[in-house]
């Protein structure tokens, strides 16, 4: 199974079921300051747990950083 995450193709033996599960894998330490788009649609944090991932989906994860 594969996902494109931040423009990089990633293969998974078992695809994470939801966006929330993927974020837990990709950014285990980060809880705030994250924005996610799935197939070019922004998904509000409130819906991550119920947003199901499919093979070949494209996910863009953006994290806020300090500084200018």
C-alpha atoms as a PDB file:
ATOM      1  CA  UNK A   1       0.000   0.000   0.000  1.00  0.00           C
ATOM      2  CA  UNK A   2       1.272   3.480  -0.708  1.00  0.00           C
ATOM      3  CA  UNK A   3       0.643   7.078   0.200  1.00  0.00           C
ATOM      4  CA  UNK A   4       2.256  10.224  -1.087  1.00  0.00           C
ATOM      5  CA  UNK A   5       3.223  12.233   1.995  1.00  0.00           C
ATOM      6  CA  UNK A   6       4.569  15.737   1.405  1.00  0.00           C
ATOM      7  CA  UNK A   7       5.308  14.862  -2.234  1.00  0.00           C
ATOM      8  CA  UNK A   8       7.260  11.708  -1.301  1.00  0.00           C
ATOM      9  CA  UNK A   9       5.954   8.238  -2.119  1.00  0.00           C
ATOM     10  CA  UNK A  10       5.838   6.032   0.994  1.00  0.00           C
ATOM     11  CA  UNK A  11       5.062   2.318   1.080  1.00  0.00           C
ATOM     12  CA  UNK A  12       3.315   0.703   4.037  1.00  0.00           C
ATOM     13  CA  UNK A  13       2.855  -2.994   4.793  1.00  0.00           C
ATOM     14  CA  UNK A  14      -0.399  -2.001   6.479  1.00  0.00           C
ATOM     15  CA  UNK A  15      -1.879   1.357   5.558  1.00  0.00           C
ATOM     16  CA  UNK A  16      -2.804   3.534   8.552  1.00  0.00           C
ATOM     17  CA  UNK A  17      -6.597   3.488   8.716  1.00  0.00           C
ATOM     18  CA  UNK A  18      -7.218   7.174   9.465  1.00  0.00           C
ATOM     19  CA  UNK A  19      -5.522  10.539   9.155  1.00  0.00           C
ATOM     20  CA  UNK A  20      -5.198  10.607  12.934  1.00  0.00           C
ATOM     21  CA  UNK A  21      -3.300   7.288  12.869  1.00  0.00           C
ATOM     22  CA  UNK A  22      -0.984   8.576  10.141  1.00  0.00           C
ATOM     23  CA  UNK A  23      -0.227  11.782  12.061  1.00  0.00           C
ATOM     24  CA  UNK A  24       0.563   9.691  15.165  1.00  0.00           C
ATOM     25  CA  UNK A  25       3.108   7.744  13.076  1.00  0.00           C
ATOM     26  CA  UNK A  26       4.605  10.718  11.236  1.00  0.00           C
ATOM     27  CA  UNK A  27       4.676  13.240  14.122  1.00  0.00           C
ATOM     28  CA  UNK A  28       4.417  11.278  17.395  1.00  0.00           C
ATOM     29  CA  UNK A  29       5.723  14.160  19.543  1.00  0.00           C
ATOM     30  CA  UNK A  30       3.674  16.938  17.943  1.00  0.00           C
ATOM     31  CA  UNK A  31       0.101  17.592  19.076  1.00  0.00           C
ATOM     32  CA  UNK A  32      -0.569  21.198  18.008  1.00  0.00           C
ATOM     33  CA  UNK A  33       0.271  23.456  15.097  1.00  0.00           C
ATOM     34  CA  UNK A  34      -0.447  20.868  12.401  1.00  0.00           C
ATOM     35  CA  UNK A  35      -2.507  21.354   9.248  1.00  0.00           C
ATOM     36  CA  UNK A  36      -3.353  18.453   6.950  1.00  0.00           C
ATOM     37  CA  UNK A  37      -4.663  18.237   3.397  1.00  0.00           C
ATOM     38  CA  UNK A  38      -5.877  14.973   1.908  1.00  0.00           C
ATOM     39  CA  UNK A  39      -5.998  14.879  -1.886  1.00  0.00           C
ATOM     40  CA  UNK A  40      -5.764  18.695  -1.983  1.00  0.00           C
ATOM     41  CA  UNK A  41      -8.604  19.230   0.531  1.00  0.00           C
ATOM     42  CA  UNK A  42      -7.866  20.661   3.965  1.00  0.00           C
ATOM     43  CA  UNK A  43      -9.189  18.367   6.693  1.00  0.00           C
ATOM     44  CA  UNK A  44      -9.972  20.101  10.003  1.00  0.00           C
ATOM     45  CA  UNK A  45      -8.447  18.462  13.086  1.00  0.00           C
ATOM     46  CA  UNK A  46     -11.940  17.623  14.315  1.00  0.00           C
ATOM     47  CA  UNK A  47     -12.338  15.147  11.418  1.00  0.00           C
ATOM     48  CA  UNK A  48      -8.930  13.416  11.431  1.00  0.00           C
ATOM     49  CA  UNK A  49     -10.167  10.425  13.441  1.00  0.00           C
ATOM     50  CA  UNK A  50     -13.018   9.737  11.027  1.00  0.00           C
ATOM     51  CA  UNK A  51     -11.157  10.447   7.767  1.00  0.00           C
ATOM     52  CA  UNK A  52     -10.299   7.078   6.228  1.00  0.00           C
ATOM     53  CA  UNK A  53      -7.152   6.741   4.121  1.00  0.00           C
ATOM     54  CA  UNK A  54      -7.065   4.801   0.865  1.00  0.00           C
ATOM     55  CA  UNK A  55      -4.236   3.380  -1.198  1.00  0.00           C
ATOM     56  CA  UNK A  56      -2.642   6.058  -3.439  1.00  0.00           C
ATOM     57  CA  UNK A  57      -3.969   9.006  -1.392  1.00  0.00           C
ATOM     58  CA  UNK A  58      -1.894  12.181  -1.263  1.00  0.00           C
ATOM     59  CA  UNK A  59      -1.343  13.764   2.154  1.00  0.00           C
ATOM     60  CA  UNK A  60       0.259  17.129   2.819  1.00  0.00           C
ATOM     61  CA  UNK A  61       1.291  17.757   6.441  1.00  0.00           C
ATOM     62  CA  UNK A  62       2.286  21.278   7.427  1.00  0.00           C
ATOM     63  CA  UNK A  63       3.661  22.126  10.862  1.00  0.00           C
ATOM     64  CA  UNK A  64       3.932  25.549  12.413  1.00  0.00           C
ATOM     65  CA  UNK A  65       7.370  26.705  13.509  1.00  0.00           C
ATOM     66  CA  UNK A  66       8.621  29.592  15.592  1.00  0.00           C
ATOM     67  CA  UNK A  67      10.635  32.405  14.165  1.00  0.00           C
ATOM     68  CA  UNK A  68      10.363  34.570  11.148  1.00  0.00           C
END
